[in-house]
Amino acid sequence: MQVTRPALSPLLPHLLPPSLLLSDHHRPENCMMGVHCLHHIVLHTAAADLRQFNRSEVLYHSLFRLLFTTEAAIVQLVLSCLLDLLLVLEKPPTSLAPSLPRRKSCRHDDVLRLVLTHMEAEHKVALRRVYAAALPPLVDRVGVAICRHLRRVERVVLGYLEIRDPPEETSRLKILEVLQKTIRTTWPRMQSRSDSLLRCLLWLLVDVSSDSELSDSTRRQLMDQTSVCLRLLDACCHGDVQRRLLQVDSSCCSAEVLRCLETVTTATDQ
């Protein structure tokens, strides 16, 4: 993997077949080596050369199939490679002009749909972390087209925020980031989902504030990101979230939770 652009393109017929064979190997370490090689090829080959003879399509289908594996390390490499390969295959949905006709479903949608499907049923901590880390860039890529996946995104957000991920709570933090991006992008559709999201975010604040195993920095980060989500949700609901938060019984919450709620009730996110 020391050959880079532009010297790699002429060698593509010799490098691509063995890399594809390696990525299809039954041993995880060989499969990972193959995906590493494919990613190197994607990064250091001109897009026109990759699209020639439908090479990029072959790469896409080979990598997409690997998303069904249960090895977290492989899935992480495959998702990283797919994000770069998708830019070769098609323009990101966010780059399309709003004046164009209604956009058809594309490969970005296919990858996002499969990731969300796996996230809903996944119980292994390592895989949950990998999927949660890959979701924010995918949401960025599809832009407002995330509306097509909104129900599934909502289920994933609610499910992942309920489950602890000590000690660093990486899954929860990434899912809060996804929620913020989704609210900003699909704000007209958030009011109908505000009840379930508000209930989940309040529960998260209470759970985090009472978790003695969390470090102070992690707890602070979780509560700050949750507060951001609440402010964004309030902006979408025209102040309705603030009115409901004012009705929270202070005797049922810790002082830390009340301070977070005050940041929402005293400031409106623009």
C-alpha atoms as a PDB file:
ATOM      1  CA  MET A   1       0.000   0.000   0.000  1.00  0.00           C
ATOM      2  CA  GLN A   2       2.896   2.332  -0.695  1.00  0.00           C
ATOM      3  CA  VAL A   3       1.866   3.081  -4.285  1.00  0.00           C
ATOM      4  CA  THR A   4      -0.143   6.300  -4.488  1.00  0.00           C
ATOM      5  CA  ARG A   5      -1.755   8.482  -7.121  1.00  0.00           C
ATOM      6  CA  PRO A   6      -1.075   8.708 -10.048  1.00  0.00           C
ATOM      7  CA  ALA A   7       1.108   5.598 -10.215  1.00  0.00           C
ATOM      8  CA  LEU A   8      -1.658   3.353  -8.877  1.00  0.00           C
ATOM      9  CA  SER A   9      -4.101   3.663 -11.786  1.00  0.00           C
ATOM     10  CA  PRO A  10      -2.046   1.682 -14.355  1.00  0.00           C
ATOM     11  CA  LEU A  11      -1.622  -1.109 -11.795  1.00  0.00           C
ATOM     12  CA  LEU A  12      -5.332  -1.350 -11.038  1.00  0.00           C
ATOM     13  CA  PRO A  13      -5.968  -4.509 -13.141  1.00  0.00           C
ATOM     14  CA  HIS A  14      -3.279  -6.293 -11.132  1.00  0.00           C
ATOM     15  CA  LEU A  15      -4.164  -4.961  -7.661  1.00  0.00           C
ATOM     16  CA  LEU A  16      -7.951  -4.978  -7.612  1.00  0.00           C
ATOM     17  CA  PRO A  17      -8.640  -8.738  -8.086  1.00  0.00           C
ATOM     18  CA  PRO A  18      -6.396  -9.972  -5.231  1.00  0.00           C
ATOM     19  CA  SER A  19      -7.717  -7.228  -2.950  1.00  0.00           C
ATOM     20  CA  LEU A  20     -11.278  -8.326  -3.650  1.00  0.00           C
ATOM     21  CA  LEU A  21     -10.341 -11.940  -2.992  1.00  0.00           C
ATOM     22  CA  LEU A  22      -8.730 -11.003   0.315  1.00  0.00           C
ATOM     23  CA  SER A  23     -11.779  -9.011   1.401  1.00  0.00           C
ATOM     24  CA  ASP A  24     -13.896 -12.113   0.816  1.00  0.00           C
ATOM     25  CA  HIS A  25     -11.668 -14.355   2.951  1.00  0.00           C
ATOM     26  CA  HIS A  26     -13.233 -16.245   5.852  1.00  0.00           C
ATOM     27  CA  ARG A  27     -10.483 -15.262   8.280  1.00  0.00           C
ATOM     28  CA  PRO A  28     -11.170 -11.805   9.783  1.00  0.00           C
ATOM     29  CA  GLU A  29      -7.541 -10.657   9.661  1.00  0.00           C
ATOM     30  CA  ASN A  30      -7.291 -11.435   5.938  1.00  0.00           C
ATOM     31  CA  CYS A  31     -10.645  -9.823   5.281  1.00  0.00           C
ATOM     32  CA  MET A  32      -9.520  -6.671   7.091  1.00  0.00           C
ATOM     33  CA  MET A  33      -6.318  -6.593   5.057  1.00  0.00           C
ATOM     34  CA  GLY A  34      -8.371  -6.848   1.871  1.00  0.00           C
ATOM     35  CA  VAL A  35     -10.645  -3.975   2.920  1.00  0.00           C
ATOM     36  CA  HIS A  36      -7.571  -1.900   3.810  1.00  0.00           C
ATOM     37  CA  CYS A  37      -6.239  -2.510   0.303  1.00  0.00           C
ATOM     38  CA  LEU A  38      -9.572  -1.615  -1.298  1.00  0.00           C
ATOM     39  CA  HIS A  39      -9.761   1.598   0.713  1.00  0.00           C
ATOM     40  CA  HIS A  40      -6.241   2.509  -0.370  1.00  0.00           C
ATOM     41  CA  ILE A  41      -7.244   1.904  -3.988  1.00  0.00           C
ATOM     42  CA  VAL A  42     -10.334   4.098  -3.614  1.00  0.00           C
ATOM     43  CA  LEU A  43      -8.341   6.935  -2.050  1.00  0.00           C
ATOM     44  CA  HIS A  44      -5.464   6.869  -4.530  1.00  0.00           C
ATOM     45  CA  THR A  45      -7.185   6.139  -7.838  1.00  0.00           C
ATOM     46  CA  ALA A  46      -8.859   8.715 -10.050  1.00  0.00           C
ATOM     47  CA  ALA A  47     -12.645   8.504  -9.959  1.00  0.00           C
ATOM     48  CA  ALA A  48     -12.803   8.089 -13.739  1.00  0.00           C
ATOM     49  CA  ASP A  49     -10.500   5.062 -13.569  1.00  0.00           C
ATOM     50  CA  LEU A  50     -12.589   3.510 -10.814  1.00  0.00           C
ATOM     51  CA  ARG A  51     -15.788   3.998 -12.786  1.00  0.00           C
ATOM     52  CA  GLN A  52     -14.241   2.485 -15.904  1.00  0.00           C
ATOM     53  CA  PHE A  53     -15.437  -1.071 -16.612  1.00  0.00           C
ATOM     54  CA  ASN A  54     -17.848  -0.705 -13.645  1.00  0.00           C
ATOM     55  CA  ARG A  55     -15.024  -1.288 -11.183  1.00  0.00           C
ATOM     56  CA  SER A  56     -16.638   1.034  -8.657  1.00  0.00           C
ATOM     57  CA  GLU A  57     -19.878  -0.960  -8.860  1.00  0.00           C
ATOM     58  CA  VAL A  58     -18.003  -4.183  -8.173  1.00  0.00           C
ATOM     59  CA  LEU A  59     -16.295  -2.551  -5.199  1.00  0.00           C
ATOM     60  CA  TYR A  60     -19.578  -1.223  -3.868  1.00  0.00           C
ATOM     61  CA  HIS A  61     -21.386  -4.548  -3.989  1.00  0.00           C
ATOM     62  CA  SER A  62     -18.444  -6.374  -2.419  1.00  0.00           C
ATOM     63  CA  LEU A  63     -18.246  -3.887   0.449  1.00  0.00           C
ATOM     64  CA  PHE A  64     -22.005  -3.642   0.905  1.00  0.00           C
ATOM     65  CA  ARG A  65     -22.185  -7.406   1.368  1.00  0.00           C
ATOM     66  CA  LEU A  66     -19.549  -7.199   4.105  1.00  0.00           C
ATOM     67  CA  LEU A  67     -21.867  -4.997   6.169  1.00  0.00           C
ATOM     68  CA  PHE A  68     -23.724  -8.174   7.090  1.00  0.00           C
ATOM     69  CA  THR A  69     -20.746  -9.503   9.043  1.00  0.00           C
ATOM     70  CA  THR A  70     -20.772  -9.460  12.834  1.00  0.00           C
ATOM     71  CA  GLU A  71     -17.102  -8.511  13.271  1.00  0.00           C
ATOM     72  CA  ALA A  72     -16.983  -4.947  14.592  1.00  0.00           C
ATOM     73  CA  ALA A  73     -13.470  -4.278  13.271  1.00  0.00           C
ATOM     74  CA  ILE A  74     -14.476  -5.321   9.751  1.00  0.00           C
ATOM     75  CA  VAL A  75     -17.692  -3.291   9.783  1.00  0.00           C
ATOM     76  CA  GLN A  76     -15.774  -0.209  10.913  1.00  0.00           C
ATOM     77  CA  LEU A  77     -13.313  -0.511   8.024  1.00  0.00           C
ATOM     78  CA  VAL A  78     -16.060  -1.239   5.505  1.00  0.00           C
ATOM     79  CA  LEU A  79     -18.147   1.781   6.512  1.00  0.00           C
ATOM     80  CA  SER A  80     -15.121   4.056   6.286  1.00  0.00           C
ATOM     81  CA  CYS A  81     -14.297   2.732   2.821  1.00  0.00           C
ATOM     82  CA  LEU A  82     -17.909   2.957   1.658  1.00  0.00           C
ATOM     83  CA  LEU A  83     -18.167   6.615   2.638  1.00  0.00           C
ATOM     84  CA  ASP A  84     -15.267   7.424   0.316  1.00  0.00           C
ATOM     85  CA  LEU A  85     -16.449   5.095  -2.443  1.00  0.00           C
ATOM     86  CA  LEU A  86     -19.941   6.601  -2.490  1.00  0.00           C
ATOM     87  CA  LEU A  87     -18.416   9.924  -3.552  1.00  0.00           C
ATOM     88  CA  VAL A  88     -17.017   8.147  -6.607  1.00  0.00           C
ATOM     89  CA  LEU A  89     -20.313   6.479  -7.487  1.00  0.00           C
ATOM     90  CA  GLU A  90     -22.639   9.454  -7.097  1.00  0.00           C
ATOM     91  CA  LYS A  91     -22.941  13.021  -5.938  1.00  0.00           C
ATOM     92  CA  PRO A  92     -23.837  13.438  -2.268  1.00  0.00           C
ATOM     93  CA  PRO A  93     -27.574  14.098  -1.906  1.00  0.00           C
ATOM     94  CA  THR A  94     -26.789  17.364  -0.104  1.00  0.00           C
ATOM     95  CA  SER A  95     -25.050  18.712  -3.232  1.00  0.00           C
ATOM     96  CA  LEU A  96     -28.132  18.402  -5.436  1.00  0.00           C
ATOM     97  CA  ALA A  97     -29.975  21.610  -6.242  1.00  0.00           C
ATOM     98  CA  PRO A  98     -33.350  22.060  -4.490  1.00  0.00           C
ATOM     99  CA  SER A  99     -34.944  23.005  -7.814  1.00  0.00           C
ATOM    100  CA  LEU A 100     -34.377  19.532  -9.246  1.00  0.00           C
ATOM    101  CA  PRO A 101     -37.283  17.045  -9.396  1.00  0.00           C
ATOM    102  CA  ARG A 102     -37.931  14.808  -6.416  1.00  0.00           C
ATOM    103  CA  ARG A 103     -34.751  12.869  -5.772  1.00  0.00           C
ATOM    104  CA  LYS A 104     -34.842   9.133  -6.229  1.00  0.00           C
ATOM    105  CA  SER A 105     -33.427   6.788  -3.642  1.00  0.00           C
ATOM    106  CA  CYS A 106     -29.690   6.317  -4.106  1.00  0.00           C
ATOM    107  CA  ARG A 107     -26.839   4.250  -2.698  1.00  0.00           C
ATOM    108  CA  HIS A 108     -26.406   6.650   0.205  1.00  0.00           C
ATOM    109  CA  ASP A 109     -29.977   5.805   1.170  1.00  0.00           C
ATOM    110  CA  ASP A 110     -29.297   2.084   0.795  1.00  0.00           C
ATOM    111  CA  VAL A 111     -26.272   2.198   3.098  1.00  0.00           C
ATOM    112  CA  LEU A 112     -28.048   4.376   5.656  1.00  0.00           C
ATOM    113  CA  ARG A 113     -31.116   2.137   5.587  1.00  0.00           C
ATOM    114  CA  LEU A 114     -29.037  -0.984   6.192  1.00  0.00           C
ATOM    115  CA  VAL A 115     -27.033   0.647   8.993  1.00  0.00           C
ATOM    116  CA  LEU A 116     -30.219   1.776  10.738  1.00  0.00           C
ATOM    117  CA  THR A 117     -31.745  -1.685  10.344  1.00  0.00           C
ATOM    118  CA  HIS A 118     -28.708  -3.295  11.940  1.00  0.00           C
ATOM    119  CA  MET A 119     -28.609  -0.695  14.701  1.00  0.00           C
ATOM    120  CA  GLU A 120     -32.171  -1.422  15.761  1.00  0.00           C
ATOM    121  CA  ALA A 121     -31.458  -5.090  16.425  1.00  0.00           C
ATOM    122  CA  GLU A 122     -27.811  -4.929  17.506  1.00  0.00           C
ATOM    123  CA  HIS A 123     -26.953  -5.869  21.093  1.00  0.00           C
ATOM    124  CA  LYS A 124     -23.160  -6.223  20.922  1.00  0.00           C
ATOM    125  CA  VAL A 125     -21.491  -3.204  22.506  1.00  0.00           C
ATOM    126  CA  ALA A 126     -18.599  -3.083  20.027  1.00  0.00           C
ATOM    127  CA  LEU A 127     -20.897  -3.075  17.001  1.00  0.00           C
ATOM    128  CA  ARG A 128     -23.227  -0.525  18.573  1.00  0.00           C
ATOM    129  CA  ARG A 129     -20.263   1.817  19.000  1.00  0.00           C
ATOM    130  CA  VAL A 130     -19.146   1.303  15.402  1.00  0.00           C
ATOM    131  CA  TYR A 131     -22.612   1.992  14.006  1.00  0.00           C
ATOM    132  CA  ALA A 132     -23.135   5.004  16.259  1.00  0.00           C
ATOM    133  CA  ALA A 133     -19.811   6.511  15.142  1.00  0.00           C
ATOM    134  CA  ALA A 134     -20.656   5.984  11.459  1.00  0.00           C
ATOM    135  CA  LEU A 135     -24.135   7.497  11.640  1.00  0.00           C
ATOM    136  CA  PRO A 136     -23.303  11.256  11.927  1.00  0.00           C
ATOM    137  CA  PRO A 137     -21.354  11.457   8.626  1.00  0.00           C
ATOM    138  CA  LEU A 138     -24.085   9.463   6.878  1.00  0.00           C
ATOM    139  CA  VAL A 139     -26.743  11.844   8.170  1.00  0.00           C
ATOM    140  CA  ASP A 140     -24.624  14.767   6.960  1.00  0.00           C
ATOM    141  CA  ARG A 141     -24.364  13.208   3.512  1.00  0.00           C
ATOM    142  CA  VAL A 142     -28.066  12.614   2.941  1.00  0.00           C
ATOM    143  CA  GLY A 143     -29.094  16.024   4.272  1.00  0.00           C
ATOM    144  CA  VAL A 144     -32.798  16.742   4.156  1.00  0.00           C
ATOM    145  CA  ALA A 145     -33.387  13.316   2.593  1.00  0.00           C
ATOM    146  CA  ILE A 146     -33.061  11.965   6.132  1.00  0.00           C
ATOM    147  CA  CYS A 147     -36.822  12.606   6.197  1.00  0.00           C
ATOM    148  CA  ARG A 148     -37.184   9.340   4.301  1.00  0.00           C
ATOM    149  CA  HIS A 149     -35.635   7.487   7.214  1.00  0.00           C
ATOM    150  CA  LEU A 150     -37.051   9.580  10.044  1.00  0.00           C
ATOM    151  CA  ARG A 151     -39.140   6.891  11.734  1.00  0.00           C
ATOM    152  CA  ARG A 152     -36.230   4.491  11.819  1.00  0.00           C
ATOM    153  CA  VAL A 153     -33.830   7.207  12.992  1.00  0.00           C
ATOM    154  CA  GLU A 154     -36.232   8.046  15.806  1.00  0.00           C
ATOM    155  CA  ARG A 155     -36.389   4.417  16.936  1.00  0.00           C
ATOM    156  CA  VAL A 156     -32.593   4.151  16.870  1.00  0.00           C
ATOM    157  CA  VAL A 157     -32.147   7.395  18.809  1.00  0.00           C
ATOM    158  CA  LEU A 158     -34.634   6.381  21.492  1.00  0.00           C
ATOM    159  CA  GLY A 159     -33.182   2.893  21.778  1.00  0.00           C
ATOM    160  CA  TYR A 160     -29.547   3.943  21.995  1.00  0.00           C
ATOM    161  CA  LEU A 161     -30.100   6.753  24.486  1.00  0.00           C
ATOM    162  CA  GLU A 162     -31.768   4.306  26.864  1.00  0.00           C
ATOM    163  CA  ILE A 163     -28.758   1.971  27.066  1.00  0.00           C
ATOM    164  CA  ARG A 164     -25.659   2.865  29.068  1.00  0.00           C
ATOM    165  CA  ASP A 165     -22.279   2.645  27.355  1.00  0.00           C
ATOM    166  CA  PRO A 166     -19.675   3.105  30.108  1.00  0.00           C
ATOM    167  CA  PRO A 167     -17.118   4.369  30.722  1.00  0.00           C
ATOM    168  CA  GLU A 168     -16.953   7.003  27.957  1.00  0.00           C
ATOM    169  CA  GLU A 169     -20.560   6.768  26.725  1.00  0.00           C
ATOM    170  CA  THR A 170     -19.390   7.054  23.121  1.00  0.00           C
ATOM    171  CA  SER A 171     -22.587   5.599  21.660  1.00  0.00           C
ATOM    172  CA  ARG A 172     -24.840   8.005  23.522  1.00  0.00           C
ATOM    173  CA  LEU A 173     -22.703  11.003  22.597  1.00  0.00           C
ATOM    174  CA  LYS A 174     -22.723  10.076  18.912  1.00  0.00           C
ATOM    175  CA  ILE A 175     -26.472   9.496  18.956  1.00  0.00           C
ATOM    176  CA  LEU A 176     -27.011  12.895  20.580  1.00  0.00           C
ATOM    177  CA  GLU A 177     -24.958  14.364  17.742  1.00  0.00           C
ATOM    178  CA  VAL A 178     -27.189  12.541  15.250  1.00  0.00           C
ATOM    179  CA  LEU A 179     -30.281  13.872  16.979  1.00  0.00           C
ATOM    180  CA  GLN A 180     -28.990  17.440  16.801  1.00  0.00           C
ATOM    181  CA  LYS A 181     -28.227  17.122  13.086  1.00  0.00           C
ATOM    182  CA  THR A 182     -31.612  15.544  12.437  1.00  0.00           C
ATOM    183  CA  ILE A 183     -33.525  18.221  14.333  1.00  0.00           C
ATOM    184  CA  ARG A 184     -31.701  20.994  12.484  1.00  0.00           C
ATOM    185  CA  THR A 185     -32.363  19.382   9.110  1.00  0.00           C
ATOM    186  CA  THR A 186     -35.932  18.158   9.556  1.00  0.00           C
ATOM    187  CA  TRP A 187     -37.236  20.762  12.008  1.00  0.00           C
ATOM    188  CA  PRO A 188     -40.740  21.026  10.443  1.00  0.00           C
ATOM    189  CA  ARG A 189     -41.357  17.363  11.305  1.00  0.00           C
ATOM    190  CA  MET A 190     -40.083  17.470  14.859  1.00  0.00           C
ATOM    191  CA  GLN A 191     -43.168  18.812  16.602  1.00  0.00           C
ATOM    192  CA  SER A 192     -45.092  15.574  16.091  1.00  0.00           C
ATOM    193  CA  ARG A 193     -42.184  13.669  17.646  1.00  0.00           C
ATOM    194  CA  SER A 194     -41.514  16.058  20.495  1.00  0.00           C
ATOM    195  CA  ASP A 195     -43.359  14.016  23.149  1.00  0.00           C
ATOM    196  CA  SER A 196     -41.280  10.860  22.759  1.00  0.00           C
ATOM    197  CA  LEU A 197     -38.023  12.766  22.290  1.00  0.00           C
ATOM    198  CA  LEU A 198     -38.636  15.041  25.275  1.00  0.00           C
ATOM    199  CA  ARG A 199     -39.469  12.072  27.499  1.00  0.00           C
ATOM    200  CA  CYS A 200     -36.306  10.273  26.396  1.00  0.00           C
ATOM    201  CA  LEU A 201     -34.047  13.303  26.866  1.00  0.00           C
ATOM    202  CA  LEU A 202     -35.412  14.014  30.343  1.00  0.00           C
ATOM    203  CA  TRP A 203     -34.942  10.391  31.315  1.00  0.00           C
ATOM    204  CA  LEU A 204     -31.374  10.581  30.006  1.00  0.00           C
ATOM    205  CA  LEU A 205     -30.622  13.634  32.154  1.00  0.00           C
ATOM    206  CA  VAL A 206     -31.914  11.906  35.269  1.00  0.00           C
ATOM    207  CA  ASP A 207     -30.084   8.676  34.478  1.00  0.00           C
ATOM    208  CA  VAL A 208     -26.765  10.397  33.791  1.00  0.00           C
ATOM    209  CA  SER A 209     -26.967  12.619  36.860  1.00  0.00           C
ATOM    210  CA  SER A 210     -27.471   9.591  39.123  1.00  0.00           C
ATOM    211  CA  ASP A 211     -24.817   7.360  37.517  1.00  0.00           C
ATOM    212  CA  SER A 212     -21.914   7.220  39.965  1.00  0.00           C
ATOM    213  CA  GLU A 213     -19.703   5.274  37.537  1.00  0.00           C
ATOM    214  CA  LEU A 214     -19.403   8.157  35.085  1.00  0.00           C
ATOM    215  CA  SER A 215     -16.508  10.575  35.242  1.00  0.00           C
ATOM    216  CA  ASP A 216     -17.353  14.227  35.796  1.00  0.00           C
ATOM    217  CA  SER A 217     -16.206  15.199  32.305  1.00  0.00           C
ATOM    218  CA  THR A 218     -18.313  12.522  30.614  1.00  0.00           C
ATOM    219  CA  ARG A 219     -21.363  13.408  32.701  1.00  0.00           C
ATOM    220  CA  ARG A 220     -20.922  17.091  31.901  1.00  0.00           C
ATOM    221  CA  GLN A 221     -20.547  16.367  28.200  1.00  0.00           C
ATOM    222  CA  LEU A 222     -23.661  14.200  28.098  1.00  0.00           C
ATOM    223  CA  MET A 223     -25.748  16.739  29.955  1.00  0.00           C
ATOM    224  CA  ASP A 224     -24.510  19.620  27.808  1.00  0.00           C
ATOM    225  CA  GLN A 225     -25.315  17.772  24.582  1.00  0.00           C
ATOM    226  CA  THR A 226     -28.723  16.803  25.930  1.00  0.00           C
ATOM    227  CA  SER A 227     -29.403  20.444  26.768  1.00  0.00           C
ATOM    228  CA  VAL A 228     -28.527  21.405  23.198  1.00  0.00           C
ATOM    229  CA  CYS A 229     -31.033  18.842  21.917  1.00  0.00           C
ATOM    230  CA  LEU A 230     -33.706  20.240  24.226  1.00  0.00           C
ATOM    231  CA  ARG A 231     -33.092  23.795  23.039  1.00  0.00           C
ATOM    232  CA  LEU A 232     -33.237  22.732  19.398  1.00  0.00           C
ATOM    233  CA  LEU A 233     -36.422  20.795  20.040  1.00  0.00           C
ATOM    234  CA  ASP A 234     -37.923  23.809  21.792  1.00  0.00           C
ATOM    235  CA  ALA A 235     -37.122  26.019  18.802  1.00  0.00           C
ATOM    236  CA  CYS A 236     -38.928  23.562  16.516  1.00  0.00           C
ATOM    237  CA  CYS A 237     -41.953  23.489  18.822  1.00  0.00           C
ATOM    238  CA  HIS A 238     -42.215  27.286  19.163  1.00  0.00           C
ATOM    239  CA  GLY A 239     -41.536  27.325  22.901  1.00  0.00           C
ATOM    240  CA  ASP A 240     -43.800  24.414  23.823  1.00  0.00           C
ATOM    241  CA  VAL A 241     -40.886  22.450  25.306  1.00  0.00           C
ATOM    242  CA  GLN A 242     -40.057  25.354  27.617  1.00  0.00           C
ATOM    243  CA  ARG A 243     -43.638  25.497  28.854  1.00  0.00           C
ATOM    244  CA  ARG A 244     -43.612  21.790  29.632  1.00  0.00           C
ATOM    245  CA  LEU A 245     -40.228  21.930  31.345  1.00  0.00           C
ATOM    246  CA  LEU A 246     -41.515  24.642  33.674  1.00  0.00           C
ATOM    247  CA  GLN A 247     -44.046  22.100  34.947  1.00  0.00           C
ATOM    248  CA  VAL A 248     -41.349  19.613  36.013  1.00  0.00           C
ATOM    249  CA  ASP A 249     -41.512  18.835  39.728  1.00  0.00           C
ATOM    250  CA  SER A 250     -38.220  20.088  41.158  1.00  0.00           C
ATOM    251  CA  SER A 251     -38.464  17.666  44.078  1.00  0.00           C
ATOM    252  CA  CYS A 252     -38.024  14.740  41.678  1.00  0.00           C
ATOM    253  CA  CYS A 253     -34.788  16.003  40.096  1.00  0.00           C
ATOM    254  CA  SER A 254     -31.272  16.575  41.277  1.00  0.00           C
ATOM    255  CA  ALA A 255     -29.799  20.061  41.357  1.00  0.00           C
ATOM    256  CA  GLU A 256     -27.644  19.165  38.358  1.00  0.00           C
ATOM    257  CA  VAL A 257     -30.675  18.268  36.250  1.00  0.00           C
ATOM    258  CA  LEU A 258     -32.476  21.427  37.300  1.00  0.00           C
ATOM    259  CA  ARG A 259     -29.499  23.534  36.228  1.00  0.00           C
ATOM    260  CA  CYS A 260     -29.594  21.912  32.797  1.00  0.00           C
ATOM    261  CA  LEU A 261     -33.307  22.545  32.485  1.00  0.00           C
ATOM    262  CA  GLU A 262     -32.767  26.173  33.441  1.00  0.00           C
ATOM    263  CA  THR A 263     -30.442  26.622  30.478  1.00  0.00           C
ATOM    264  CA  VAL A 264     -33.327  25.549  28.246  1.00  0.00           C
ATOM    265  CA  THR A 265     -36.076  27.553  29.914  1.00  0.00           C
ATOM    266  CA  THR A 266     -34.043  30.753  30.068  1.00  0.00           C
ATOM    267  CA  ALA A 267     -32.583  30.704  26.551  1.00  0.00           C
ATOM    268  CA  THR A 268     -34.087  30.086  23.139  1.00  0.00           C
ATOM    269  CA  ASP A 269     -31.940  28.473  20.453  1.00  0.00           C
ATOM    270  CA  GLN A 270     -31.968  30.569  17.315  1.00  0.00           C
END
